[in-house]
Amino acid sequence: MAKDIKFDIESRDGLKRGVDALANAVKVTLGPKGRNVIISKSFGGPTVTKDGVSVAKEVELVDPLENMGAQMVKEVASKTNDLAGDGTTTATVLAQAIVKEGLKNVAAGANPMDLKRGIDKAVECIVAELGKQSVAVGDSSEKIKQVASISANNDETIGDLIAKAFSKVGKEGVITVEEAKGMDTYVDVVEGMQFDRGYLSPYFVTDADKMVAELSNPYVLLYDKKISNLQE
């Protein structure tokens, strides 16, 4: 299969167009005054969202070179979401700015590796300074509410519910978010641990009418390998 090979300004410009296309679609959602984005789906109705990473994941460009640039920024948003759970739009805007200024300096004759080392040093300084300015949330319900509200696009109702959930389960607890069947948003506290798995065999059923297996004070075996037969 023939390959389309591009070098220098031609390749860099194509990548930058892809970066700009994705970043411009995402950055309109930035901040408390950010706007919503409507995403058309191949099936079902359109999706309305203000979440940067959700917008980024839907961007696919026709031009292969431009799409490569878009995919690089998409990776930035995805990794930020995996590590921090928020800040994807900010990360996308920063990535676009770094690409823009970096390519400008490369075109002016700067060494790309020197630029990379300079960016790394700047990141270290900025992270250290942000660490000095940061405030630990600790056990403060009010601070947890503030952080949660910001992550929920300044929805104080959601922030209040998340703060209440944290106060109930503590630091060692696990909080999951699921789509409700109705219109109400609520907190459901489950004591102990819950595993979303059913019984392997209907012979475990203790209530034939309800087809459920209810055991009182059972022995629980925790095993880190797969059990494939009864003898094991």
C-alpha atoms as a PDB file:
ATOM      1  CA  MET A   1       0.000   0.000   0.000  1.00  0.00           C
ATOM      2  CA  ALA A   2       1.340   3.416  -0.965  1.00  0.00           C
ATOM      3  CA  LYS A   3       2.219   5.813   1.849  1.00  0.00           C
ATOM      4  CA  ASP A   4       1.711   9.564   1.893  1.00  0.00           C
ATOM      5  CA  ILE A   5       4.893  11.012   3.417  1.00  0.00           C
ATOM      6  CA  LYS A   6       5.092  14.660   4.428  1.00  0.00           C
ATOM      7  CA  PHE A   7       7.901  16.669   6.015  1.00  0.00           C
ATOM      8  CA  ASP A   8       8.643  19.979   7.704  1.00  0.00           C
ATOM      9  CA  ILE A   9       6.124  22.828   7.456  1.00  0.00           C
ATOM     10  CA  GLU A  10       3.592  20.840   5.432  1.00  0.00           C
ATOM     11  CA  SER A  11       3.363  18.107   8.063  1.00  0.00           C
ATOM     12  CA  ARG A  12       3.462  20.505  11.017  1.00  0.00           C
ATOM     13  CA  ASP A  13       0.716  22.688   9.565  1.00  0.00           C
ATOM     14  CA  GLY A  14      -1.514  19.656   9.027  1.00  0.00           C
ATOM     15  CA  LEU A  15      -1.020  18.487  12.598  1.00  0.00           C
ATOM     16  CA  LYS A  16      -1.706  21.994  13.903  1.00  0.00           C
ATOM     17  CA  ARG A  17      -4.966  22.232  11.950  1.00  0.00           C
ATOM     18  CA  GLY A  18      -6.098  19.006  13.605  1.00  0.00           C
ATOM     19  CA  VAL A  19      -5.065  20.231  17.050  1.00  0.00           C
ATOM     20  CA  ASP A  20      -6.931  23.505  16.519  1.00  0.00           C
ATOM     21  CA  ALA A  21     -10.062  21.780  15.203  1.00  0.00           C
ATOM     22  CA  LEU A  22     -10.408  19.605  18.294  1.00  0.00           C
ATOM     23  CA  ALA A  23      -9.273  22.239  20.800  1.00  0.00           C
ATOM     24  CA  ASN A  24     -11.629  24.883  19.388  1.00  0.00           C
ATOM     25  CA  ALA A  25     -14.558  22.491  19.754  1.00  0.00           C
ATOM     26  CA  VAL A  26     -13.598  21.636  23.335  1.00  0.00           C
ATOM     27  CA  LYS A  27     -12.532  25.001  24.739  1.00  0.00           C
ATOM     28  CA  VAL A  28     -15.989  26.592  24.388  1.00  0.00           C
ATOM     29  CA  THR A  29     -16.983  24.453  27.407  1.00  0.00           C
ATOM     30  CA  LEU A  30     -14.285  26.000  29.639  1.00  0.00           C
ATOM     31  CA  GLY A  31     -15.198  27.528  32.982  1.00  0.00           C
ATOM     32  CA  PRO A  32     -18.461  28.399  34.718  1.00  0.00           C
ATOM     33  CA  LYS A  33     -19.632  30.399  31.700  1.00  0.00           C
ATOM     34  CA  GLY A  34     -18.710  27.693  29.210  1.00  0.00           C
ATOM     35  CA  ARG A  35     -21.243  26.752  26.563  1.00  0.00           C
ATOM     36  CA  ASN A  36     -22.806  23.408  25.773  1.00  0.00           C
ATOM     37  CA  VAL A  37     -21.863  21.360  22.723  1.00  0.00           C
ATOM     38  CA  ILE A  38     -24.393  19.309  20.741  1.00  0.00           C
ATOM     39  CA  ILE A  39     -23.025  16.018  19.410  1.00  0.00           C
ATOM     40  CA  SER A  40     -24.816  14.168  16.635  1.00  0.00           C
ATOM     41  CA  LYS A  41     -24.908  10.384  17.069  1.00  0.00           C
ATOM     42  CA  SER A  42     -25.165   7.746  14.353  1.00  0.00           C
ATOM     43  CA  PHE A  43     -27.993   6.211  16.361  1.00  0.00           C
ATOM     44  CA  GLY A  44     -30.460   7.774  18.794  1.00  0.00           C
ATOM     45  CA  GLY A  45     -30.903  11.456  19.500  1.00  0.00           C
ATOM     46  CA  PRO A  46     -28.167  14.091  19.794  1.00  0.00           C
ATOM     47  CA  THR A  47     -26.178  14.473  23.018  1.00  0.00           C
ATOM     48  CA  VAL A  48     -25.828  17.829  24.784  1.00  0.00           C
ATOM     49  CA  THR A  49     -22.756  18.063  27.011  1.00  0.00           C
ATOM     50  CA  LYS A  50     -20.422  20.535  28.691  1.00  0.00           C
ATOM     51  CA  ASP A  51     -17.782  17.911  29.443  1.00  0.00           C
ATOM     52  CA  GLY A  52     -14.543  18.506  27.542  1.00  0.00           C
ATOM     53  CA  VAL A  53     -13.425  14.889  27.281  1.00  0.00           C
ATOM     54  CA  SER A  54     -16.861  13.813  26.013  1.00  0.00           C
ATOM     55  CA  VAL A  55     -16.576  16.344  23.187  1.00  0.00           C
ATOM     56  CA  ALA A  56     -12.978  15.331  22.430  1.00  0.00           C
ATOM     57  CA  LYS A  57     -13.834  11.638  22.155  1.00  0.00           C
ATOM     58  CA  GLU A  58     -16.368  12.354  19.400  1.00  0.00           C
ATOM     59  CA  VAL A  59     -13.976  14.277  17.128  1.00  0.00           C
ATOM     60  CA  GLU A  60     -12.828  12.358  14.039  1.00  0.00           C
ATOM     61  CA  LEU A  61     -11.417  14.355  11.112  1.00  0.00           C
ATOM     62  CA  VAL A  62     -11.465  13.316   7.443  1.00  0.00           C
ATOM     63  CA  ASP A  63      -7.879  14.319   6.650  1.00  0.00           C
ATOM     64  CA  PRO A  64      -5.486  11.663   8.086  1.00  0.00           C
ATOM     65  CA  LEU A  65      -2.781  14.170   9.032  1.00  0.00           C
ATOM     66  CA  GLU A  66      -5.217  16.550  10.703  1.00  0.00           C
ATOM     67  CA  ASN A  67      -6.878  13.630  12.462  1.00  0.00           C
ATOM     68  CA  MET A  68      -3.469  12.607  13.828  1.00  0.00           C
ATOM     69  CA  GLY A  69      -3.115  16.044  15.428  1.00  0.00           C
ATOM     70  CA  ALA A  70      -6.622  15.792  16.867  1.00  0.00           C
ATOM     71  CA  GLN A  71      -5.889  12.341  18.293  1.00  0.00           C
ATOM     72  CA  MET A  72      -2.796  13.663  20.102  1.00  0.00           C
ATOM     73  CA  VAL A  73      -4.853  16.276  21.920  1.00  0.00           C
ATOM     74  CA  LYS A  74      -7.609  13.733  22.536  1.00  0.00           C
ATOM     75  CA  GLU A  75      -4.995  11.635  24.361  1.00  0.00           C
ATOM     76  CA  VAL A  76      -4.172  14.652  26.547  1.00  0.00           C
ATOM     77  CA  ALA A  77      -7.827  15.014  27.544  1.00  0.00           C
ATOM     78  CA  SER A  78      -8.275  11.279  28.163  1.00  0.00           C
ATOM     79  CA  LYS A  79      -5.167  10.961  30.346  1.00  0.00           C
ATOM     80  CA  THR A  80      -6.147  14.025  32.366  1.00  0.00           C
ATOM     81  CA  ASN A  81      -9.588  12.540  32.903  1.00  0.00           C
ATOM     82  CA  ASP A  82      -8.092   9.198  34.000  1.00  0.00           C
ATOM     83  CA  LEU A  83      -5.611  10.792  36.421  1.00  0.00           C
ATOM     84  CA  ALA A  84      -7.635  13.675  37.863  1.00  0.00           C
ATOM     85  CA  GLY A  85     -11.231  13.100  36.784  1.00  0.00           C
ATOM     86  CA  ASP A  86     -11.551  16.767  35.829  1.00  0.00           C
ATOM     87  CA  GLY A  87      -9.676  19.594  34.108  1.00  0.00           C
ATOM     88  CA  THR A  88      -9.831  18.052  30.638  1.00  0.00           C
ATOM     89  CA  THR A  89     -10.796  21.306  28.928  1.00  0.00           C
ATOM     90  CA  THR A  90      -8.001  23.206  30.683  1.00  0.00           C
ATOM     91  CA  ALA A  91      -5.504  20.519  29.637  1.00  0.00           C
ATOM     92  CA  THR A  92      -6.729  20.763  26.039  1.00  0.00           C
ATOM     93  CA  VAL A  93      -6.359  24.557  25.977  1.00  0.00           C
ATOM     94  CA  LEU A  94      -2.838  24.305  27.424  1.00  0.00           C
ATOM     95  CA  ALA A  95      -1.896  21.629  24.878  1.00  0.00           C
ATOM     96  CA  GLN A  96      -3.114  23.838  22.031  1.00  0.00           C
ATOM     97  CA  ALA A  97      -1.081  26.789  23.331  1.00  0.00           C
ATOM     98  CA  ILE A  98       2.066  24.647  23.721  1.00  0.00           C
ATOM     99  CA  VAL A  99       1.694  23.308  20.167  1.00  0.00           C
ATOM    100  CA  LYS A 100       1.082  26.788  18.744  1.00  0.00           C
ATOM    101  CA  GLU A 101       4.067  28.439  20.444  1.00  0.00           C
ATOM    102  CA  GLY A 102       6.265  25.384  19.958  1.00  0.00           C
ATOM    103  CA  LEU A 103       5.697  25.240  16.205  1.00  0.00           C
ATOM    104  CA  LYS A 104       6.233  28.996  15.971  1.00  0.00           C
ATOM    105  CA  ASN A 105       9.652  28.641  17.616  1.00  0.00           C
ATOM    106  CA  VAL A 106      10.592  25.598  15.525  1.00  0.00           C
ATOM    107  CA  ALA A 107       9.726  27.533  12.350  1.00  0.00           C
ATOM    108  CA  ALA A 108      11.982  30.347  13.591  1.00  0.00           C
ATOM    109  CA  GLY A 109      14.903  27.912  13.878  1.00  0.00           C
ATOM    110  CA  ALA A 110      14.724  26.675  17.483  1.00  0.00           C
ATOM    111  CA  ASN A 111      15.902  23.160  18.265  1.00  0.00           C
ATOM    112  CA  PRO A 112      12.865  20.943  19.046  1.00  0.00           C
ATOM    113  CA  MET A 113      14.695  18.979  21.756  1.00  0.00           C
ATOM    114  CA  ASP A 114      15.802  22.167  23.500  1.00  0.00           C
ATOM    115  CA  LEU A 115      12.176  23.306  23.405  1.00  0.00           C
ATOM    116  CA  LYS A 116      11.085  20.007  24.939  1.00  0.00           C
ATOM    117  CA  ARG A 117      13.596  20.330  27.775  1.00  0.00           C
ATOM    118  CA  GLY A 118      12.474  23.911  28.381  1.00  0.00           C
ATOM    119  CA  ILE A 119       8.824  22.832  28.551  1.00  0.00           C
ATOM    120  CA  ASP A 120       9.714  20.087  31.053  1.00  0.00           C
ATOM    121  CA  LYS A 121      11.521  22.578  33.297  1.00  0.00           C
ATOM    122  CA  ALA A 122       8.598  25.004  33.104  1.00  0.00           C
ATOM    123  CA  VAL A 123       6.176  22.217  34.043  1.00  0.00           C
ATOM    124  CA  GLU A 124       8.257  21.358  37.126  1.00  0.00           C
ATOM    125  CA  CYS A 125       8.221  24.986  38.293  1.00  0.00           C
ATOM    126  CA  ILE A 126       4.490  25.409  37.667  1.00  0.00           C
ATOM    127  CA  VAL A 127       3.571  22.158  39.434  1.00  0.00           C
ATOM    128  CA  ALA A 128       5.696  23.142  42.436  1.00  0.00           C
ATOM    129  CA  GLU A 129       4.039  26.573  42.595  1.00  0.00           C
ATOM    130  CA  LEU A 130       0.555  25.072  42.284  1.00  0.00           C
ATOM    131  CA  GLY A 131       1.433  22.742  45.138  1.00  0.00           C
ATOM    132  CA  LYS A 132       2.223  25.769  47.318  1.00  0.00           C
ATOM    133  CA  GLN A 133      -1.090  27.431  46.451  1.00  0.00           C
ATOM    134  CA  SER A 134      -3.228  24.316  46.872  1.00  0.00           C
ATOM    135  CA  VAL A 135      -5.412  23.832  49.940  1.00  0.00           C
ATOM    136  CA  ALA A 136      -6.033  20.371  51.378  1.00  0.00           C
ATOM    137  CA  VAL A 137      -9.711  19.442  51.466  1.00  0.00           C
ATOM    138  CA  GLY A 138      -9.338  17.154  54.482  1.00  0.00           C
ATOM    139  CA  ASP A 139     -12.588  16.226  56.199  1.00  0.00           C
ATOM    140  CA  SER A 140     -14.295  19.558  55.529  1.00  0.00           C
ATOM    141  CA  SER A 141     -17.734  18.901  54.034  1.00  0.00           C
ATOM    142  CA  GLU A 142     -17.907  22.478  52.789  1.00  0.00           C
ATOM    143  CA  LYS A 143     -14.638  22.157  50.837  1.00  0.00           C
ATOM    144  CA  ILE A 144     -15.706  18.793  49.427  1.00  0.00           C
ATOM    145  CA  LYS A 145     -18.965  20.415  48.340  1.00  0.00           C
ATOM    146  CA  GLN A 146     -17.075  23.257  46.629  1.00  0.00           C
ATOM    147  CA  VAL A 147     -14.811  20.883  44.695  1.00  0.00           C
ATOM    148  CA  ALA A 148     -17.708  18.601  43.746  1.00  0.00           C
ATOM    149  CA  SER A 149     -19.866  21.545  42.639  1.00  0.00           C
ATOM    150  CA  ILE A 150     -17.120  22.838  40.346  1.00  0.00           C
ATOM    151  CA  SER A 151     -16.639  19.370  38.844  1.00  0.00           C
ATOM    152  CA  ALA A 152     -20.404  19.179  38.285  1.00  0.00           C
ATOM    153  CA  ASN A 153     -20.404  22.431  36.287  1.00  0.00           C
ATOM    154  CA  ASN A 154     -21.265  24.538  39.349  1.00  0.00           C
ATOM    155  CA  ASP A 155     -24.299  22.460  40.243  1.00  0.00           C
ATOM    156  CA  GLU A 156     -24.548  23.015  44.009  1.00  0.00           C
ATOM    157  CA  THR A 157     -27.262  20.378  44.382  1.00  0.00           C
ATOM    158  CA  ILE A 158     -24.940  17.689  43.046  1.00  0.00           C
ATOM    159  CA  GLY A 159     -22.061  19.087  45.106  1.00  0.00           C
ATOM    160  CA  ASP A 160     -24.151  18.903  48.273  1.00  0.00           C
ATOM    161  CA  LEU A 161     -25.139  15.280  47.573  1.00  0.00           C
ATOM    162  CA  ILE A 162     -21.527  14.252  46.964  1.00  0.00           C
ATOM    163  CA  ALA A 163     -20.410  15.982  50.174  1.00  0.00           C
ATOM    164  CA  LYS A 164     -23.106  14.097  52.095  1.00  0.00           C
ATOM    165  CA  ALA A 165     -22.011  10.828  50.497  1.00  0.00           C
ATOM    166  CA  PHE A 166     -18.395  11.421  51.551  1.00  0.00           C
ATOM    167  CA  SER A 167     -19.460  12.276  55.100  1.00  0.00           C
ATOM    168  CA  LYS A 168     -21.387   8.988  55.321  1.00  0.00           C
ATOM    169  CA  VAL A 169     -18.819   6.575  53.858  1.00  0.00           C
ATOM    170  CA  GLY A 170     -15.594   8.301  54.949  1.00  0.00           C
ATOM    171  CA  LYS A 171     -12.180   8.183  53.276  1.00  0.00           C
ATOM    172  CA  GLU A 172     -12.169   4.405  52.956  1.00  0.00           C
ATOM    173  CA  GLY A 173     -15.593   4.259  51.330  1.00  0.00           C
ATOM    174  CA  VAL A 174     -16.318   3.893  47.628  1.00  0.00           C
ATOM    175  CA  ILE A 175     -18.667   6.228  45.778  1.00  0.00           C
ATOM    176  CA  THR A 176     -20.129   5.316  42.398  1.00  0.00           C
ATOM    177  CA  VAL A 177     -22.481   7.284  40.166  1.00  0.00           C
ATOM    178  CA  GLU A 178     -25.237   5.497  38.294  1.00  0.00           C
ATOM    179  CA  GLU A 179     -28.104   6.626  36.100  1.00  0.00           C
ATOM    180  CA  ALA A 180     -31.383   6.614  38.006  1.00  0.00           C
ATOM    181  CA  LYS A 181     -34.576   5.143  36.624  1.00  0.00           C
ATOM    182  CA  GLY A 182     -36.566   8.208  37.672  1.00  0.00           C
ATOM    183  CA  MET A 183     -35.999  11.973  37.667  1.00  0.00           C
ATOM    184  CA  ASP A 184     -34.746  12.274  41.255  1.00  0.00           C
ATOM    185  CA  THR A 185     -31.072  12.436  42.223  1.00  0.00           C
ATOM    186  CA  TYR A 186     -30.360  10.786  45.565  1.00  0.00           C
ATOM    187  CA  VAL A 187     -27.717   9.106  47.735  1.00  0.00           C
ATOM    188  CA  ASP A 188     -28.061   5.409  48.526  1.00  0.00           C
ATOM    189  CA  VAL A 189     -25.710   4.085  51.220  1.00  0.00           C
ATOM    190  CA  VAL A 190     -24.920   0.355  51.126  1.00  0.00           C
ATOM    191  CA  GLU A 191     -23.373  -1.006  54.306  1.00  0.00           C
ATOM    192  CA  GLY A 192     -20.442  -3.371  53.900  1.00  0.00           C
ATOM    193  CA  MET A 193     -19.432  -4.319  50.369  1.00  0.00           C
ATOM    194  CA  GLN A 194     -21.518  -4.965  47.286  1.00  0.00           C
ATOM    195  CA  PHE A 195     -20.522  -6.985  44.216  1.00  0.00           C
ATOM    196  CA  ASP A 196     -22.687  -6.753  41.115  1.00  0.00           C
ATOM    197  CA  ARG A 197     -22.653 -10.476  40.410  1.00  0.00           C
ATOM    198  CA  GLY A 198     -25.309 -13.138  40.642  1.00  0.00           C
ATOM    199  CA  TYR A 199     -25.193 -16.795  41.567  1.00  0.00           C
ATOM    200  CA  LEU A 200     -23.464 -19.180  39.151  1.00  0.00           C
ATOM    201  CA  SER A 201     -26.061 -21.920  39.474  1.00  0.00           C
ATOM    202  CA  PRO A 202     -29.823 -21.933  40.184  1.00  0.00           C
ATOM    203  CA  TYR A 203     -29.077 -24.583  42.819  1.00  0.00           C
ATOM    204  CA  PHE A 204     -27.886 -21.721  45.043  1.00  0.00           C
ATOM    205  CA  VAL A 205     -31.412 -20.246  45.166  1.00  0.00           C
ATOM    206  CA  THR A 206     -32.926 -20.209  48.651  1.00  0.00           C
ATOM    207  CA  ASP A 207     -36.215 -18.523  47.722  1.00  0.00           C
ATOM    208  CA  ALA A 208     -37.755 -20.187  44.664  1.00  0.00           C
ATOM    209  CA  ASP A 209     -40.570 -17.614  44.445  1.00  0.00           C
ATOM    210  CA  LYS A 210     -38.240 -14.619  44.195  1.00  0.00           C
ATOM    211  CA  MET A 211     -35.364 -16.621  42.637  1.00  0.00           C
ATOM    212  CA  VAL A 212     -32.826 -15.114  45.041  1.00  0.00           C
ATOM    213  CA  ALA A 213     -30.105 -16.630  47.182  1.00  0.00           C
ATOM    214  CA  GLU A 214     -30.046 -15.214  50.724  1.00  0.00           C
ATOM    215  CA  LEU A 215     -27.412 -16.536  53.135  1.00  0.00           C
ATOM    216  CA  SER A 216     -26.932 -15.524  56.771  1.00  0.00           C
ATOM    217  CA  ASN A 217     -23.369 -15.297  58.128  1.00  0.00           C
ATOM    218  CA  PRO A 218     -21.798 -17.139  55.172  1.00  0.00           C
ATOM    219  CA  TYR A 219     -18.092 -17.882  54.826  1.00  0.00           C
ATOM    220  CA  VAL A 220     -16.428 -15.686  52.192  1.00  0.00           C
ATOM    221  CA  LEU A 221     -13.297 -16.816  50.339  1.00  0.00           C
ATOM    222  CA  LEU A 222     -11.071 -14.181  48.733  1.00  0.00           C
ATOM    223  CA  TYR A 223      -8.911 -15.753  46.028  1.00  0.00           C
ATOM    224  CA  ASP A 224      -6.725 -13.893  43.523  1.00  0.00           C
ATOM    225  CA  LYS A 225      -6.782 -16.590  40.825  1.00  0.00           C
ATOM    226  CA  LYS A 226      -9.466 -18.065  38.605  1.00  0.00           C
ATOM    227  CA  ILE A 227     -11.351 -21.103  39.914  1.00  0.00           C
ATOM    228  CA  SER A 228     -12.332 -23.250  36.932  1.00  0.00           C
ATOM    229  CA  ASN A 229     -13.574 -26.458  38.565  1.00  0.00           C
ATOM    230  CA  LEU A 230     -15.065 -27.661  41.838  1.00  0.00           C
ATOM    231  CA  GLN A 231     -11.954 -29.593  42.907  1.00  0.00           C
ATOM    232  CA  GLU A 232      -9.939 -26.367  43.057  1.00  0.00           C
END
